[in-house]
PDB file of N, CA and C in Angstrom:
ATOM      1  N   MET A   1       1.217  -1.513  -0.437  1.00  0.00           N
ATOM      2  CA  MET A   1       0.141  -0.088   0.018  1.00  0.00           C
ATOM      3  C   MET A   1       0.628   1.293  -0.165  1.00  0.00           C
ATOM      4  N   ILE A   2       0.440   2.107  -0.278  1.00  0.00           N
ATOM      5  CA  ILE A   2       0.989   3.401  -1.106  1.00  0.00           C
ATOM      6  C   ILE A   2       1.169   4.637   0.121  1.00  0.00           C
ATOM      7  N   LYS A   3       1.743   4.904   1.027  1.00  0.00           N
ATOM      8  CA  LYS A   3       1.672   5.862   1.839  1.00  0.00           C
ATOM      9  C   LYS A   3       1.394   7.550   1.133  1.00  0.00           C
ATOM     10  N   PRO A   4      -0.098   8.018   1.486  1.00  0.00           N
ATOM     11  CA  PRO A   4      -0.551   9.260   0.817  1.00  0.00           C
ATOM     12  C   PRO A   4       0.523  10.102   1.470  1.00  0.00           C
ATOM     13  N   ALA A   5       0.727  11.288   0.551  1.00  0.00           N
ATOM     14  CA  ALA A   5       1.667  12.337   0.711  1.00  0.00           C
ATOM     15  C   ALA A   5       1.227  13.092   2.015  1.00  0.00           C
ATOM     16  N   PRO A   6       2.022  14.012   2.583  1.00  0.00           N
ATOM     17  CA  PRO A   6       1.567  14.762   3.880  1.00  0.00           C
ATOM     18  C   PRO A   6       0.343  16.255   3.129  1.00  0.00           C
ATOM     19  N   PRO A   7      -0.019  16.162   4.139  1.00  0.00           N
ATOM     20  CA  PRO A   7      -1.086  17.681   3.029  1.00  0.00           C
ATOM     21  C   PRO A   7      -0.079  18.863   3.348  1.00  0.00           C
ATOM     22  N   ALA A   8      -0.362  19.824   2.438  1.00  0.00           N
ATOM     23  CA  ALA A   8       0.552  20.940   2.239  1.00  0.00           C
ATOM     24  C   ALA A   8       0.430  22.199   2.791  1.00  0.00           C
ATOM     25  N   LYS A   9       1.579  22.604   3.050  1.00  0.00           N
ATOM     26  CA  LYS A   9       1.209  23.752   4.103  1.00  0.00           C
ATOM     27  C   LYS A   9       1.735  25.031   3.286  1.00  0.00           C
ATOM     28  N   ARG A  10       0.507  25.546   3.566  1.00  0.00           N
ATOM     29  CA  ARG A  10      -0.151  26.908   3.142  1.00  0.00           C
ATOM     30  C   ARG A  10       0.654  27.787   4.048  1.00  0.00           C
ATOM     31  N   GLY A  11       1.050  28.255   5.396  1.00  0.00           N
ATOM     32  CA  GLY A  11       1.757  29.409   5.520  1.00  0.00           C
ATOM     33  C   GLY A  11       0.728  30.374   5.890  1.00  0.00           C
ATOM     34  N   ILE A  12      -0.654  29.882   6.596  1.00  0.00           N
ATOM     35  CA  ILE A  12      -0.636  31.220   6.192  1.00  0.00           C
ATOM     36  C   ILE A  12      -0.765  32.244   7.687  1.00  0.00           C
ATOM     37  N   ALA A  13      -0.585  31.520   8.387  1.00  0.00           N
ATOM     38  CA  ALA A  13      -0.028  32.341   9.699  1.00  0.00           C
ATOM     39  C   ALA A  13       0.896  32.404   9.715  1.00  0.00           C
ATOM     40  N   GLY A  14       2.177  32.785   9.140  1.00  0.00           N
ATOM     41  CA  GLY A  14       3.468  33.772   8.973  1.00  0.00           C
ATOM     42  C   GLY A  14       2.288  35.184   7.933  1.00  0.00           C
ATOM     43  N   MET A  15       1.730  34.598   7.309  1.00  0.00           N
ATOM     44  CA  MET A  15       1.327  35.786   6.144  1.00  0.00           C
ATOM     45  C   MET A  15       0.522  36.521   7.783  1.00  0.00           C
ATOM     46  N   LEU A  16      -0.485  35.309   8.474  1.00  0.00           N
ATOM     47  CA  LEU A  16      -1.660  36.704   9.254  1.00  0.00           C
ATOM     48  C   LEU A  16       0.155  37.362  10.104  1.00  0.00           C
ATOM     49  N   LEU A  17       0.545  36.496  10.224  1.00  0.00           N
ATOM     50  CA  LEU A  17       1.680  37.132  11.593  1.00  0.00           C
ATOM     51  C   LEU A  17       2.087  39.008  10.766  1.00  0.00           C
ATOM     52  N   LEU A  18       2.602  39.049   9.565  1.00  0.00           N
ATOM     53  CA  LEU A  18       2.988  39.709   8.878  1.00  0.00           C
ATOM     54  C   LEU A  18       1.955  41.468   8.510  1.00  0.00           C
ATOM     55  N   PHE A  19       0.875  40.946   8.406  1.00  0.00           N
ATOM     56  CA  PHE A  19      -0.002  41.724   8.500  1.00  0.00           C
ATOM     57  C   PHE A  19      -0.542  42.056   9.316  1.00  0.00           C
ATOM     58  N   CYS A  20      -0.078  41.615  10.785  1.00  0.00           N
ATOM     59  CA  CYS A  20      -0.085  42.352  12.113  1.00  0.00           C
ATOM     60  C   CYS A  20       0.365  43.329  12.430  1.00  0.00           C
ATOM     61  N   VAL A  21       1.612  42.572  11.729  1.00  0.00           N
ATOM     62  CA  VAL A  21       3.021  43.463  12.741  1.00  0.00           C
ATOM     63  C   VAL A  21       2.799  44.814  11.839  1.00  0.00           C
ATOM     64  N   VAL A  22       2.872  45.348  10.230  1.00  0.00           N
ATOM     65  CA  VAL A  22       2.271  45.944   9.261  1.00  0.00           C
ATOM     66  C   VAL A  22       1.499  47.169  10.112  1.00  0.00           C
ATOM     67  N   ALA A  23       0.142  46.265   9.731  1.00  0.00           N
ATOM     68  CA  ALA A  23      -0.660  47.017  10.864  1.00  0.00           C
ATOM     69  C   ALA A  23      -0.305  48.181  11.924  1.00  0.00           C
ATOM     70  N   LEU A  24      -0.172  47.009  13.266  1.00  0.00           N
ATOM     71  CA  LEU A  24       0.634  47.917  14.104  1.00  0.00           C
ATOM     72  C   LEU A  24       1.661  48.626  14.260  1.00  0.00           C
ATOM     73  N   VAL A  25       3.065  48.599  13.171  1.00  0.00           N
ATOM     74  CA  VAL A  25       3.403  49.927  12.964  1.00  0.00           C
ATOM     75  C   VAL A  25       2.909  50.789  12.810  1.00  0.00           C
ATOM     76  N   ALA A  26       1.753  51.033  11.507  1.00  0.00           N
ATOM     77  CA  ALA A  26       1.189  51.876  10.299  1.00  0.00           C
ATOM     78  C   ALA A  26       0.466  52.085  11.467  1.00  0.00           C
ATOM     79  N   GLY A  27      -0.696  51.519  12.590  1.00  0.00           N
ATOM     80  CA  GLY A  27      -1.470  52.442  13.184  1.00  0.00           C
ATOM     81  C   GLY A  27      -0.574  53.335  14.930  1.00  0.00           C
ATOM     82  N   LEU A  28       0.209  52.318  15.207  1.00  0.00           N
ATOM     83  CA  LEU A  28       1.410  53.585  15.585  1.00  0.00           C
ATOM     84  C   LEU A  28       1.951  55.280  15.221  1.00  0.00           C
ATOM     85  N   GLY A  29       2.839  54.649  13.777  1.00  0.00           N
ATOM     86  CA  GLY A  29       2.504  56.274  13.402  1.00  0.00           C
ATOM     87  C   GLY A  29       1.522  56.998  12.954  1.00  0.00           C
ATOM     88  N   PHE A  30       0.780  56.250  12.793  1.00  0.00           N
ATOM     89  CA  PHE A  30      -0.963  57.550  13.113  1.00  0.00           C
ATOM     90  C   PHE A  30      -0.827  57.905  14.204  1.00  0.00           C
ATOM     91  N   GLU A  31      -0.823  57.391  14.944  1.00  0.00           N
ATOM     92  CA  GLU A  31      -0.715  57.233  16.696  1.00  0.00           C
ATOM     93  C   GLU A  31       0.814  59.016  16.790  1.00  0.00           C
ATOM     94  N   PHE A  32       1.937  59.113  16.359  1.00  0.00           N
ATOM     95  CA  PHE A  32       2.743  59.912  16.273  1.00  0.00           C
ATOM     96  C   PHE A  32       2.235  61.008  15.574  1.00  0.00           C
ATOM     97  N   LEU A  33       2.062  60.761  14.498  1.00  0.00           N
ATOM     98  CA  LEU A  33       1.390  62.162  13.259  1.00  0.00           C
ATOM     99  C   LEU A  33      -0.203  62.698  14.061  1.00  0.00           C
ATOM    100  N   VAL A  34      -0.876  62.525  14.799  1.00  0.00           N
ATOM    101  CA  VAL A  34      -1.794  63.529  15.341  1.00  0.00           C
ATOM    102  C   VAL A  34      -1.385  64.278  16.259  1.00  0.00           C
ATOM    103  N   GLU A  35      -1.757  65.431  16.765  1.00  0.00           N
ATOM    104  CA  GLU A  35      -1.998  66.187  16.823  1.00  0.00           C
ATOM    105  C   GLU A  35      -2.804  66.218  18.078  1.00  0.00           C
ATOM    106  N   THR A  36      -3.232  65.195  18.857  1.00  0.00           N
ATOM    107  CA  THR A  36      -4.177  64.827  20.292  1.00  0.00           C
ATOM    108  C   THR A  36      -3.290  65.260  21.362  1.00  0.00           C
ATOM    109  N   PRO A  37      -3.843  65.745  22.380  1.00  0.00           N
ATOM    110  CA  PRO A  37      -3.894  65.610  23.721  1.00  0.00           C
ATOM    111  C   PRO A  37      -3.406  64.084  24.386  1.00  0.00           C
ATOM    112  N   PRO A  38      -2.191  63.549  25.517  1.00  0.00           N
ATOM    113  CA  PRO A  38      -2.411  62.307  25.676  1.00  0.00           C
ATOM    114  C   PRO A  38      -3.556  61.395  26.312  1.00  0.00           C
ATOM    115  N   ARG A  39      -4.016  61.159  26.557  1.00  0.00           N
ATOM    116  CA  ARG A  39      -4.953  60.301  27.227  1.00  0.00           C
ATOM    117  C   ARG A  39      -4.775  59.075  28.300  1.00  0.00           C
ATOM    118  N   PHE A  40      -5.206  58.795  29.099  1.00  0.00           N
ATOM    119  CA  PHE A  40      -5.526  57.701  30.473  1.00  0.00           C
ATOM    120  C   PHE A  40      -5.036  56.699  29.917  1.00  0.00           C
ATOM    121  N   SER A  41      -5.747  55.978  29.315  1.00  0.00           N
ATOM    122  CA  SER A  41      -5.307  54.678  28.576  1.00  0.00           C
ATOM    123  C   SER A  41      -5.130  54.726  27.376  1.00  0.00           C
ATOM    124  N   VAL A  42      -4.504  53.308  27.179  1.00  0.00           N
ATOM    125  CA  VAL A  42      -4.267  52.756  26.078  1.00  0.00           C
ATOM    126  C   VAL A  42      -5.723  53.025  25.169  1.00  0.00           C
ATOM    127  N   ILE A  43      -6.779  51.949  25.692  1.00  0.00           N
ATOM    128  CA  ILE A  43      -8.186  52.322  24.998  1.00  0.00           C
ATOM    129  C   ILE A  43      -8.640  53.635  24.677  1.00  0.00           C
ATOM    130  N   ALA A  44      -8.494  54.739  25.896  1.00  0.00           N
ATOM    131  CA  ALA A  44      -8.811  55.513  24.942  1.00  0.00           C
ATOM    132  C   ALA A  44      -8.713  56.571  23.893  1.00  0.00           C
ATOM    133  N   GLN A  45      -7.721  55.954  24.068  1.00  0.00           N
ATOM    134  CA  GLN A  45      -6.710  56.482  22.394  1.00  0.00           C
ATOM    135  C   GLN A  45      -6.953  56.005  20.589  1.00  0.00           C
ATOM    136  N   PRO A  46      -7.968  56.999  20.164  1.00  0.00           N
ATOM    137  CA  PRO A  46      -7.832  56.590  18.861  1.00  0.00           C
ATOM    138  C   PRO A  46      -7.326  55.602  17.381  1.00  0.00           C
ATOM    139  N   GLY A  47      -7.521  54.076  17.899  1.00  0.00           N
ATOM    140  CA  GLY A  47      -7.533  53.067  17.410  1.00  0.00           C
ATOM    141  C   GLY A  47      -6.762  52.791  18.367  1.00  0.00           C
ATOM    142  N   GLY A  48      -6.152  52.826  19.869  1.00  0.00           N
ATOM    143  CA  GLY A  48      -5.904  51.990  20.711  1.00  0.00           C
ATOM    144  C   GLY A  48      -6.830  50.360  20.864  1.00  0.00           C
ATOM    145  N   ARG A  49      -8.153  50.388  20.576  1.00  0.00           N
ATOM    146  CA  ARG A  49      -8.519  48.928  21.029  1.00  0.00           C
ATOM    147  C   ARG A  49      -7.777  47.816  19.260  1.00  0.00           C
ATOM    148  N   ALA A  50      -7.534  48.760  18.253  1.00  0.00           N
ATOM    149  CA  ALA A  50      -6.997  47.948  17.036  1.00  0.00           C
ATOM    150  C   ALA A  50      -5.707  47.949  17.338  1.00  0.00           C
ATOM    151  N   VAL A  51      -4.758  47.985  18.418  1.00  0.00           N
ATOM    152  CA  VAL A  51      -3.660  48.430  18.502  1.00  0.00           C
ATOM    153  C   VAL A  51      -3.661  46.716  19.533  1.00  0.00           C
ATOM    154  N   LEU A  52      -4.311  47.361  20.419  1.00  0.00           N
ATOM    155  CA  LEU A  52      -4.745  45.866  21.422  1.00  0.00           C
ATOM    156  C   LEU A  52      -5.340  44.687  20.731  1.00  0.00           C
ATOM    157  N   GLY A  53      -6.026  45.249  19.959  1.00  0.00           N
ATOM    158  CA  GLY A  53      -6.265  43.606  19.432  1.00  0.00           C
ATOM    159  C   GLY A  53      -5.014  42.748  18.398  1.00  0.00           C
ATOM    160  N   ILE A  54      -4.826  43.929  17.661  1.00  0.00           N
ATOM    161  CA  ILE A  54      -3.571  43.610  16.889  1.00  0.00           C
ATOM    162  C   ILE A  54      -2.307  42.244  18.052  1.00  0.00           C
ATOM    163  N   GLY A  55      -2.284  43.298  19.361  1.00  0.00           N
ATOM    164  CA  GLY A  55      -1.547  42.567  19.614  1.00  0.00           C
ATOM    165  C   GLY A  55      -2.016  40.897  20.795  1.00  0.00           C
ATOM    166  N   VAL A  56      -3.350  40.643  20.715  1.00  0.00           N
ATOM    167  CA  VAL A  56      -4.088  39.374  21.077  1.00  0.00           C
ATOM    168  C   VAL A  56      -3.679  38.720  20.289  1.00  0.00           C
ATOM    169  N   VAL A  57      -3.848  39.389  19.373  1.00  0.00           N
ATOM    170  CA  VAL A  57      -4.052  38.565  18.144  1.00  0.00           C
ATOM    171  C   VAL A  57      -2.079  37.575  17.294  1.00  0.00           C
ATOM    172  N   ALA A  58      -1.604  38.816  17.766  1.00  0.00           N
ATOM    173  CA  ALA A  58       0.598  38.232  17.684  1.00  0.00           C
ATOM    174  C   ALA A  58       0.660  37.276  18.823  1.00  0.00           C
ATOM    175  N   VAL A  59       0.016  38.179  19.795  1.00  0.00           N
ATOM    176  CA  VAL A  59       0.679  36.285  21.037  1.00  0.00           C
ATOM    177  C   VAL A  59      -0.147  35.077  20.799  1.00  0.00           C
ATOM    178  N   LEU A  60      -2.028  35.126  19.921  1.00  0.00           N
ATOM    179  CA  LEU A  60      -2.397  33.978  20.023  1.00  0.00           C
ATOM    180  C   LEU A  60      -1.271  33.204  18.884  1.00  0.00           C
ATOM    181  N   VAL A  61      -1.210  33.544  17.168  1.00  0.00           N
ATOM    182  CA  VAL A  61      -0.948  33.225  16.785  1.00  0.00           C
ATOM    183  C   VAL A  61       0.978  32.334  17.224  1.00  0.00           C
ATOM    184  N   LEU A  62       1.505  33.179  17.813  1.00  0.00           N
ATOM    185  CA  LEU A  62       2.253  32.649  18.438  1.00  0.00           C
ATOM    186  C   LEU A  62       2.506  31.636  19.803  1.00  0.00           C
ATOM    187  N   PHE A  63       1.222  31.496  20.641  1.00  0.00           N
ATOM    188  CA  PHE A  63       1.203  30.756  21.464  1.00  0.00           C
ATOM    189  C   PHE A  63       0.921  28.967  19.929  1.00  0.00           C
ATOM    190  N   ALA A  64       0.343  29.471  19.666  1.00  0.00           N
ATOM    191  CA  ALA A  64      -0.352  28.255  18.202  1.00  0.00           C
ATOM    192  C   ALA A  64       1.076  27.267  18.187  1.00  0.00           C
ATOM    193  N   HIS A  65       1.720  28.378  17.481  1.00  0.00           N
ATOM    194  CA  HIS A  65       2.980  27.905  16.568  1.00  0.00           C
ATOM    195  C   HIS A  65       4.111  27.141  18.227  1.00  0.00           C
ATOM    196  N   ALA A  66       3.434  27.764  19.200  1.00  0.00           N
ATOM    197  CA  ALA A  66       4.565  26.996  20.945  1.00  0.00           C
ATOM    198  C   ALA A  66       4.035  25.331  20.577  1.00  0.00           C
ATOM    199  N   MET A  67       2.135  25.454  20.995  1.00  0.00           N
ATOM    200  CA  MET A  67       2.035  24.435  21.563  1.00  0.00           C
ATOM    201  C   MET A  67       1.909  23.303  20.242  1.00  0.00           C
ATOM    202  N   ARG A  68       1.907  23.731  18.671  1.00  0.00           N
ATOM    203  CA  ARG A  68       2.060  22.834  17.846  1.00  0.00           C
ATOM    204  C   ARG A  68       3.514  21.978  17.804  1.00  0.00           C
ATOM    205  N   ALA A  69       4.178  23.101  18.685  1.00  0.00           N
ATOM    206  CA  ALA A  69       5.486  22.176  18.616  1.00  0.00           C
ATOM    207  C   ALA A  69       5.685  21.236  19.734  1.00  0.00           C
ATOM    208  N   VAL A  70       5.367  21.679  21.105  1.00  0.00           N
ATOM    209  CA  VAL A  70       5.595  21.370  21.932  1.00  0.00           C
ATOM    210  C   VAL A  70       4.935  19.962  21.374  1.00  0.00           C
ATOM    211  N   LEU A  71       2.976  19.215  21.412  1.00  0.00           N
ATOM    212  CA  LEU A  71       2.086  18.519  20.782  1.00  0.00           C
ATOM    213  C   LEU A  71       2.572  17.738  19.783  1.00  0.00           C
ATOM    214  N   ALA A  72       3.777  17.479  19.192  1.00  0.00           N
ATOM    215  CA  ALA A  72       3.821  17.449  18.196  1.00  0.00           C
ATOM    216  C   ALA A  72       4.600  15.751  18.314  1.00  0.00           C
ATOM    217  N   VAL A  73       3.767  14.817  17.498  1.00  0.00           N
ATOM    218  CA  VAL A  73       4.526  13.424  18.137  1.00  0.00           C
ATOM    219  C   VAL A  73       4.515  12.427  16.698  1.00  0.00           C
ATOM    220  N   SER A  74       5.851  12.730  17.077  1.00  0.00           N
ATOM    221  CA  SER A  74       5.881  11.800  16.193  1.00  0.00           C
ATOM    222  C   SER A  74       6.391  10.146  16.953  1.00  0.00           C
ATOM    223  N   GLU A  75       6.328   9.343  15.399  1.00  0.00           N
ATOM    224  CA  GLU A  75       6.446   7.387  15.626  1.00  0.00           C
ATOM    225  C   GLU A  75       7.014   6.971  15.760  1.00  0.00           C
ATOM    226  N   PRO A  76       6.821   5.955  17.219  1.00  0.00           N
ATOM    227  CA  PRO A  76       8.141   4.830  17.947  1.00  0.00           C
ATOM    228  C   PRO A  76       9.334   4.349  16.819  1.00  0.00           C
ATOM    229  N   GLY A  77      10.538   4.591  17.307  1.00  0.00           N
ATOM    230  CA  GLY A  77      11.421   4.248  16.561  1.00  0.00           C
ATOM    231  C   GLY A  77      12.136   4.817  16.406  1.00  0.00           C
ATOM    232  N   GLY A  78      11.994   6.136  16.746  1.00  0.00           N
ATOM    233  CA  GLY A  78      13.250   7.334  16.203  1.00  0.00           C
ATOM    234  C   GLY A  78      13.328   7.744  14.992  1.00  0.00           C
ATOM    235  N   GLY A  79      12.355   8.122  14.122  1.00  0.00           N
ATOM    236  CA  GLY A  79      11.656   8.269  13.316  1.00  0.00           C
ATOM    237  C   GLY A  79      11.926  10.168  13.320  1.00  0.00           C
ATOM    238  N   ASP A  80      12.139  10.397  11.702  1.00  0.00           N
ATOM    239  CA  ASP A  80      12.611  11.929  11.652  1.00  0.00           C
ATOM    240  C   ASP A  80      11.156  12.887  11.554  1.00  0.00           C
ATOM    241  N   ALA A  81      11.187  13.735  11.241  1.00  0.00           N
ATOM    242  CA  ALA A  81       9.677  14.603  10.614  1.00  0.00           C
ATOM    243  C   ALA A  81       9.214  14.149   9.763  1.00  0.00           C
ATOM    244  N   SER A  82      10.292  13.770   8.246  1.00  0.00           N
ATOM    245  CA  SER A  82       9.613  13.353   7.105  1.00  0.00           C
ATOM    246  C   SER A  82       8.822  12.295   7.275  1.00  0.00           C
ATOM    247  N   ASP A  83       9.073  11.721   8.583  1.00  0.00           N
ATOM    248  CA  ASP A  83       8.682  10.263   8.888  1.00  0.00           C
ATOM    249  C   ASP A  83       6.909  10.321   9.703  1.00  0.00           C
ATOM    250  N   ARG A  84       6.571  11.057   9.749  1.00  0.00           N
ATOM    251  CA  ARG A  84       5.686  11.845  11.140  1.00  0.00           C
ATOM    252  C   ARG A  84       3.998  10.796  10.407  1.00  0.00           C
ATOM    253  N   ASN A  85       3.252  10.427  10.465  1.00  0.00           N
ATOM    254  CA  ASN A  85       2.078   9.965  10.215  1.00  0.00           C
ATOM    255  C   ASN A  85       1.508  11.720  10.382  1.00  0.00           C
ATOM    256  N   HIS A  86       0.430  10.998   8.961  1.00  0.00           N
ATOM    257  CA  HIS A  86      -0.025  12.479   9.409  1.00  0.00           C
ATOM    258  C   HIS A  86      -1.737  12.486   8.484  1.00  0.00           C
ATOM    259  N   THR A  87      -2.577  11.413   9.082  1.00  0.00           N
ATOM    260  CA  THR A  87      -3.447  11.080   8.651  1.00  0.00           C
ATOM    261  C   THR A  87      -4.554  11.303  10.516  1.00  0.00           C
TER     262      THR A  87
END
């Protein structure tokens, strides 16, 4: 019996993280360009909730990658990453 090919990796998490970082940098740039008096809370700032949301998304993506690496199961017998069971 022929072993099925492993699923193709799409790399969407990397693109999502890149998008979040670019949006964070753009949002912070707009914060420094706008002439408004400082406020007490980050959430009270214009775009503060967006920056907070982007930070949460970035942390969750990094946490998901870490959990995927920790919970990766390899076959008994010392198989390497290319010999993992993808079924």
